[in-house]
Amino acid sequence: MTINLKEGDLLVDEGNSKEYPVSIARNWPLYQLSLESFRAMATSHFSAKRGEISGGTIGKASDAPVHITNVIGLPLLPMTAQDYETVGLDTPTDMLQTILVDADSALHVVVEAHKR
């Protein structure tokens, strides 16, 4: 199973119920760390939303609403200057990142935190 998350979705941190717009969602190569070891470090719980919401839409208007639940990952952490350079971001917005994991894949996710 692959985590069906993409740019424009909302990532919800279940620990504090905050919603964060997804800026980047891309596969994380598992050879960098074994999946079992990664799952042991994945202590945060997330869900995600796509589709119509109050005040606008998430993702593309043609996307069917999606609600992803019960996803684990690393806690959201601030991106460093090197992280911004690595992913090619030049933005006045503070960004957070996590790696989400499911049964057989991992996903690197970058979300908007707030304006700097």
N, C-alpha and C. Protein backbone atom coordinates (compact mmCIF):
# COMPACT_ATOMS: atom_id res chain seq x y z
N MET A 1 0.84 -1.18 0.00
CA MET A 1 0.00 0.00 0.00
C MET A 1 0.89 1.24 0.00
N THR A 2 0.56 2.21 -0.82
CA THR A 2 1.30 3.46 -0.87
C THR A 2 0.44 4.57 -0.28
N ILE A 3 1.05 5.48 0.42
CA ILE A 3 0.32 6.60 1.02
C ILE A 3 -0.09 7.55 -0.10
N ASN A 4 -1.39 7.76 -0.26
CA ASN A 4 -1.94 8.59 -1.34
C ASN A 4 -2.04 10.04 -0.88
N LEU A 5 -0.92 10.72 -0.86
CA LEU A 5 -0.85 12.11 -0.41
C LEU A 5 -0.13 12.91 -1.48
N LYS A 6 -0.62 14.12 -1.76
CA LYS A 6 0.02 14.93 -2.79
C LYS A 6 -0.07 16.41 -2.44
N GLU A 7 0.67 17.21 -3.21
CA GLU A 7 0.67 18.65 -3.00
C GLU A 7 -0.77 19.17 -3.03
N GLY A 8 -1.05 20.09 -2.10
CA GLY A 8 -2.38 20.67 -2.02
C GLY A 8 -3.27 20.01 -0.99
N ASP A 9 -2.94 18.79 -0.55
CA ASP A 9 -3.71 18.14 0.50
C ASP A 9 -3.43 18.83 1.83
N LEU A 10 -4.23 18.52 2.83
CA LEU A 10 -3.97 18.99 4.19
C LEU A 10 -3.49 17.81 5.02
N LEU A 11 -2.33 17.95 5.66
CA LEU A 11 -1.83 16.96 6.60
C LEU A 11 -2.27 17.39 7.99
N VAL A 12 -2.92 16.50 8.71
CA VAL A 12 -3.42 16.80 10.05
C VAL A 12 -2.57 16.07 11.07
N ASP A 13 -1.94 16.83 11.97
CA ASP A 13 -1.18 16.26 13.07
C ASP A 13 -2.19 15.90 14.16
N GLU A 14 -2.41 14.62 14.36
CA GLU A 14 -3.43 14.18 15.32
C GLU A 14 -3.06 14.52 16.75
N GLY A 15 -1.78 14.80 17.01
CA GLY A 15 -1.36 15.16 18.37
C GLY A 15 -1.85 16.52 18.80
N ASN A 16 -1.99 17.45 17.85
CA ASN A 16 -2.45 18.80 18.21
C ASN A 16 -3.60 19.27 17.33
N SER A 17 -4.10 18.42 16.46
CA SER A 17 -5.23 18.69 15.57
C SER A 17 -4.99 19.85 14.60
N LYS A 18 -3.75 20.25 14.40
CA LYS A 18 -3.44 21.31 13.45
C LYS A 18 -3.38 20.76 12.04
N GLU A 19 -3.83 21.58 11.09
CA GLU A 19 -3.82 21.21 9.68
C GLU A 19 -2.73 22.01 8.96
N TYR A 20 -1.96 21.33 8.12
CA TYR A 20 -0.86 21.95 7.40
C TYR A 20 -0.99 21.65 5.90
N PRO A 21 -0.96 22.69 5.05
CA PRO A 21 -0.99 22.45 3.60
C PRO A 21 0.29 21.75 3.14
N VAL A 22 0.13 20.71 2.33
CA VAL A 22 1.27 19.95 1.82
C VAL A 22 1.87 20.67 0.62
N SER A 23 3.17 20.94 0.68
CA SER A 23 3.89 21.57 -0.42
C SER A 23 4.63 20.54 -1.27
N ILE A 24 5.18 19.52 -0.62
CA ILE A 24 5.93 18.47 -1.31
C ILE A 24 5.55 17.13 -0.69
N ALA A 25 5.30 16.14 -1.53
CA ALA A 25 5.08 14.76 -1.08
C ALA A 25 5.75 13.86 -2.10
N ARG A 26 6.84 13.22 -1.68
CA ARG A 26 7.55 12.37 -2.63
C ARG A 26 8.08 11.13 -1.91
N ASN A 27 8.23 10.06 -2.68
CA ASN A 27 8.70 8.80 -2.11
C ASN A 27 10.06 8.97 -1.47
N TRP A 28 10.25 8.29 -0.36
CA TRP A 28 11.52 8.30 0.37
C TRP A 28 12.16 6.94 0.12
N PRO A 29 13.38 6.93 -0.43
CA PRO A 29 14.03 5.64 -0.71
C PRO A 29 14.30 4.87 0.58
N LEU A 30 13.79 3.67 0.64
CA LEU A 30 13.91 2.89 1.86
C LEU A 30 15.29 2.33 2.09
N TYR A 31 16.15 2.35 1.09
CA TYR A 31 17.50 1.83 1.32
C TYR A 31 18.28 2.71 2.30
N GLN A 32 17.82 3.95 2.52
CA GLN A 32 18.51 4.83 3.46
C GLN A 32 18.31 4.38 4.91
N LEU A 33 17.28 3.66 5.14
CA LEU A 33 16.97 3.19 6.49
C LEU A 33 15.99 2.05 6.36
N SER A 34 16.18 1.00 7.09
CA SER A 34 15.25 -0.13 6.97
C SER A 34 13.87 0.27 7.47
N LEU A 35 12.86 -0.31 6.86
CA LEU A 35 11.48 0.02 7.19
C LEU A 35 11.17 -0.30 8.66
N GLU A 36 11.69 -1.39 9.17
CA GLU A 36 11.41 -1.75 10.56
C GLU A 36 12.01 -0.73 11.53
N SER A 37 13.24 -0.30 11.26
CA SER A 37 13.87 0.71 12.11
C SER A 37 13.10 2.02 12.03
N PHE A 38 12.67 2.35 10.84
CA PHE A 38 11.94 3.59 10.64
C PHE A 38 10.63 3.57 11.42
N ARG A 39 9.91 2.45 11.35
CA ARG A 39 8.64 2.35 12.08
C ARG A 39 8.84 2.56 13.58
N ALA A 40 9.97 2.12 14.10
CA ALA A 40 10.25 2.29 15.53
C ALA A 40 10.40 3.76 15.91
N MET A 41 10.86 4.58 14.96
CA MET A 41 11.03 6.02 15.22
C MET A 41 9.78 6.82 14.90
N ALA A 42 8.85 6.23 14.19
CA ALA A 42 7.63 6.93 13.75
C ALA A 42 6.62 6.94 14.90
N THR A 43 6.68 7.99 15.71
CA THR A 43 5.86 8.04 16.92
C THR A 43 4.68 9.00 16.82
N SER A 44 4.55 9.72 15.72
CA SER A 44 3.44 10.68 15.56
C SER A 44 2.37 10.08 14.66
N HIS A 45 1.13 10.49 14.91
CA HIS A 45 -0.01 10.00 14.13
C HIS A 45 -0.57 11.15 13.30
N PHE A 46 -0.87 10.82 12.03
CA PHE A 46 -1.36 11.82 11.09
C PHE A 46 -2.58 11.30 10.35
N SER A 47 -3.32 12.24 9.79
CA SER A 47 -4.36 11.94 8.82
C SER A 47 -4.23 13.00 7.73
N ALA A 48 -4.99 12.86 6.67
CA ALA A 48 -4.92 13.84 5.59
C ALA A 48 -6.28 14.00 4.95
N LYS A 49 -6.48 15.17 4.34
CA LYS A 49 -7.75 15.48 3.68
C LYS A 49 -7.49 16.05 2.31
N ARG A 50 -8.37 15.73 1.39
CA ARG A 50 -8.37 16.31 0.04
C ARG A 50 -9.82 16.47 -0.37
N GLY A 51 -10.15 17.58 -1.00
CA GLY A 51 -11.50 17.81 -1.47
C GLY A 51 -12.06 19.12 -0.95
N GLU A 52 -13.35 19.29 -1.08
CA GLU A 52 -14.00 20.53 -0.68
C GLU A 52 -13.88 20.76 0.83
N ILE A 53 -13.57 22.00 1.20
CA ILE A 53 -13.58 22.41 2.60
C ILE A 53 -14.20 23.79 2.69
N SER A 54 -14.53 24.21 3.86
CA SER A 54 -15.07 25.55 4.08
C SER A 54 -14.04 26.60 3.68
N GLY A 55 -14.44 27.53 2.83
CA GLY A 55 -13.55 28.61 2.44
C GLY A 55 -12.68 28.30 1.24
N GLY A 56 -12.87 27.18 0.58
CA GLY A 56 -12.06 26.88 -0.60
C GLY A 56 -11.95 25.40 -0.84
N THR A 57 -11.00 25.04 -1.68
CA THR A 57 -10.80 23.63 -1.98
C THR A 57 -9.37 23.24 -1.67
N ILE A 58 -9.17 21.98 -1.48
CA ILE A 58 -7.85 21.41 -1.28
C ILE A 58 -7.54 20.61 -2.54
N GLY A 59 -6.36 20.75 -3.06
CA GLY A 59 -6.01 20.03 -4.27
C GLY A 59 -6.75 20.60 -5.46
N LYS A 60 -6.90 19.82 -6.49
CA LYS A 60 -7.60 20.26 -7.69
C LYS A 60 -9.09 20.03 -7.53
N ALA A 61 -9.87 20.89 -8.16
CA ALA A 61 -11.32 20.78 -8.06
C ALA A 61 -11.82 19.43 -8.57
N SER A 62 -11.10 18.83 -9.51
CA SER A 62 -11.53 17.55 -10.08
C SER A 62 -11.20 16.36 -9.18
N ASP A 63 -10.41 16.57 -8.14
CA ASP A 63 -10.04 15.48 -7.24
C ASP A 63 -11.24 15.07 -6.39
N ALA A 64 -11.44 13.77 -6.29
CA ALA A 64 -12.48 13.27 -5.40
C ALA A 64 -12.01 13.46 -3.96
N PRO A 65 -12.95 13.74 -3.04
CA PRO A 65 -12.54 13.89 -1.63
C PRO A 65 -11.86 12.61 -1.13
N VAL A 66 -10.78 12.78 -0.40
CA VAL A 66 -10.03 11.65 0.15
C VAL A 66 -9.77 11.96 1.62
N HIS A 67 -9.96 10.97 2.45
CA HIS A 67 -9.63 11.10 3.87
C HIS A 67 -8.72 9.93 4.21
N ILE A 68 -7.47 10.25 4.52
CA ILE A 68 -6.48 9.24 4.87
C ILE A 68 -6.35 9.27 6.39
N THR A 69 -6.43 8.11 7.01
CA THR A 69 -6.35 8.07 8.47
C THR A 69 -5.31 7.05 8.91
N ASN A 70 -4.94 7.17 10.17
CA ASN A 70 -4.07 6.20 10.83
C ASN A 70 -2.72 6.02 10.12
N VAL A 71 -2.06 7.14 9.83
CA VAL A 71 -0.73 7.11 9.24
C VAL A 71 0.27 7.51 10.32
N ILE A 72 1.39 6.78 10.40
CA ILE A 72 2.41 7.13 11.39
C ILE A 72 3.61 7.75 10.69
N GLY A 73 4.34 8.56 11.44
CA GLY A 73 5.53 9.20 10.88
C GLY A 73 6.36 9.84 11.96
N LEU A 74 7.48 10.42 11.53
CA LEU A 74 8.30 11.19 12.45
C LEU A 74 7.55 12.44 12.86
N PRO A 75 7.82 12.97 14.04
CA PRO A 75 7.20 14.26 14.41
C PRO A 75 7.58 15.33 13.39
N LEU A 76 6.70 16.29 13.18
CA LEU A 76 7.00 17.41 12.28
C LEU A 76 8.17 18.20 12.85
N LEU A 77 9.19 18.42 12.02
CA LEU A 77 10.40 19.13 12.43
C LEU A 77 10.66 20.30 11.50
N PRO A 78 11.20 21.42 12.03
CA PRO A 78 11.53 22.55 11.16
C PRO A 78 12.60 22.18 10.15
N MET A 79 12.49 22.75 8.97
CA MET A 79 13.50 22.53 7.94
C MET A 79 14.69 23.44 8.20
N THR A 80 15.89 22.94 7.93
CA THR A 80 17.10 23.74 8.06
C THR A 80 17.38 24.43 6.73
N ALA A 81 18.34 25.35 6.72
CA ALA A 81 18.73 26.02 5.47
C ALA A 81 19.17 24.99 4.43
N GLN A 82 19.88 23.96 4.86
CA GLN A 82 20.32 22.91 3.94
C GLN A 82 19.13 22.14 3.38
N ASP A 83 18.10 21.89 4.21
CA ASP A 83 16.90 21.19 3.74
C ASP A 83 16.21 21.99 2.64
N TYR A 84 16.10 23.33 2.85
CA TYR A 84 15.47 24.18 1.83
C TYR A 84 16.21 24.05 0.50
N GLU A 85 17.54 24.05 0.57
CA GLU A 85 18.36 23.95 -0.63
C GLU A 85 18.20 22.58 -1.29
N THR A 86 18.18 21.54 -0.48
CA THR A 86 18.08 20.17 -1.00
C THR A 86 16.78 19.96 -1.77
N VAL A 87 15.66 20.47 -1.26
CA VAL A 87 14.38 20.27 -1.94
C VAL A 87 14.06 21.38 -2.93
N GLY A 88 14.93 22.39 -3.02
CA GLY A 88 14.75 23.45 -4.01
C GLY A 88 13.67 24.45 -3.66
N LEU A 89 13.54 24.78 -2.39
CA LEU A 89 12.53 25.76 -1.96
C LEU A 89 13.17 27.11 -1.67
N ASP A 90 12.55 28.16 -2.17
CA ASP A 90 12.94 29.53 -1.85
C ASP A 90 11.64 30.26 -1.55
N THR A 91 11.27 30.28 -0.29
CA THR A 91 9.96 30.78 0.10
C THR A 91 10.04 31.57 1.40
N PRO A 92 9.17 32.57 1.57
CA PRO A 92 9.14 33.31 2.83
C PRO A 92 8.32 32.58 3.91
N THR A 93 7.88 31.38 3.61
CA THR A 93 7.07 30.60 4.53
C THR A 93 7.94 29.62 5.29
N ASP A 94 7.75 29.54 6.60
CA ASP A 94 8.44 28.52 7.39
C ASP A 94 7.85 27.16 7.03
N MET A 95 8.71 26.18 6.86
CA MET A 95 8.28 24.86 6.46
C MET A 95 8.66 23.83 7.52
N LEU A 96 7.83 22.80 7.63
CA LEU A 96 8.09 21.66 8.50
C LEU A 96 8.17 20.42 7.62
N GLN A 97 8.82 19.38 8.13
CA GLN A 97 8.90 18.16 7.35
C GLN A 97 8.72 16.95 8.24
N THR A 98 8.28 15.86 7.62
CA THR A 98 8.14 14.58 8.28
C THR A 98 8.36 13.49 7.25
N ILE A 99 8.50 12.29 7.70
CA ILE A 99 8.50 11.14 6.82
C ILE A 99 7.40 10.22 7.34
N LEU A 100 6.43 9.94 6.48
CA LEU A 100 5.32 9.06 6.83
C LEU A 100 5.65 7.65 6.36
N VAL A 101 5.14 6.66 7.06
CA VAL A 101 5.43 5.27 6.72
C VAL A 101 4.16 4.43 6.79
N ASP A 102 4.05 3.49 5.86
CA ASP A 102 2.97 2.50 5.94
C ASP A 102 3.58 1.11 5.84
N ALA A 103 2.84 0.13 5.41
CA ALA A 103 3.31 -1.25 5.42
C ALA A 103 4.55 -1.48 4.56
N ASP A 104 4.67 -0.78 3.43
CA ASP A 104 5.78 -1.09 2.53
C ASP A 104 6.41 0.12 1.85
N SER A 105 6.11 1.33 2.33
CA SER A 105 6.68 2.52 1.69
C SER A 105 6.84 3.65 2.69
N ALA A 106 7.61 4.64 2.28
CA ALA A 106 7.81 5.84 3.09
C ALA A 106 7.66 7.06 2.18
N LEU A 107 7.18 8.15 2.73
CA LEU A 107 6.90 9.36 1.97
C LEU A 107 7.48 10.56 2.71
N HIS A 108 8.34 11.34 2.03
CA HIS A 108 8.88 12.58 2.59
C HIS A 108 7.85 13.68 2.32
N VAL A 109 7.40 14.35 3.36
CA VAL A 109 6.35 15.36 3.23
C VAL A 109 6.84 16.68 3.82
N VAL A 110 6.69 17.75 3.04
CA VAL A 110 7.03 19.10 3.48
C VAL A 110 5.72 19.90 3.51
N VAL A 111 5.47 20.56 4.65
CA VAL A 111 4.23 21.33 4.82
C VAL A 111 4.55 22.76 5.22
N GLU A 112 3.59 23.65 4.95
CA GLU A 112 3.72 25.05 5.34
C GLU A 112 3.37 25.20 6.81
N ALA A 113 4.23 25.89 7.56
CA ALA A 113 3.95 26.11 8.98
C ALA A 113 3.25 27.46 9.17
N HIS A 114 3.91 28.55 8.79
CA HIS A 114 3.35 29.90 8.87
C HIS A 114 4.29 30.85 8.18
N LYS A 115 3.83 32.07 7.93
CA LYS A 115 4.67 33.07 7.26
C LYS A 115 5.80 33.49 8.17
N ARG A 116 7.00 33.65 7.59
CA ARG A 116 8.15 34.13 8.37
C ARG A 116 8.04 35.62 8.58
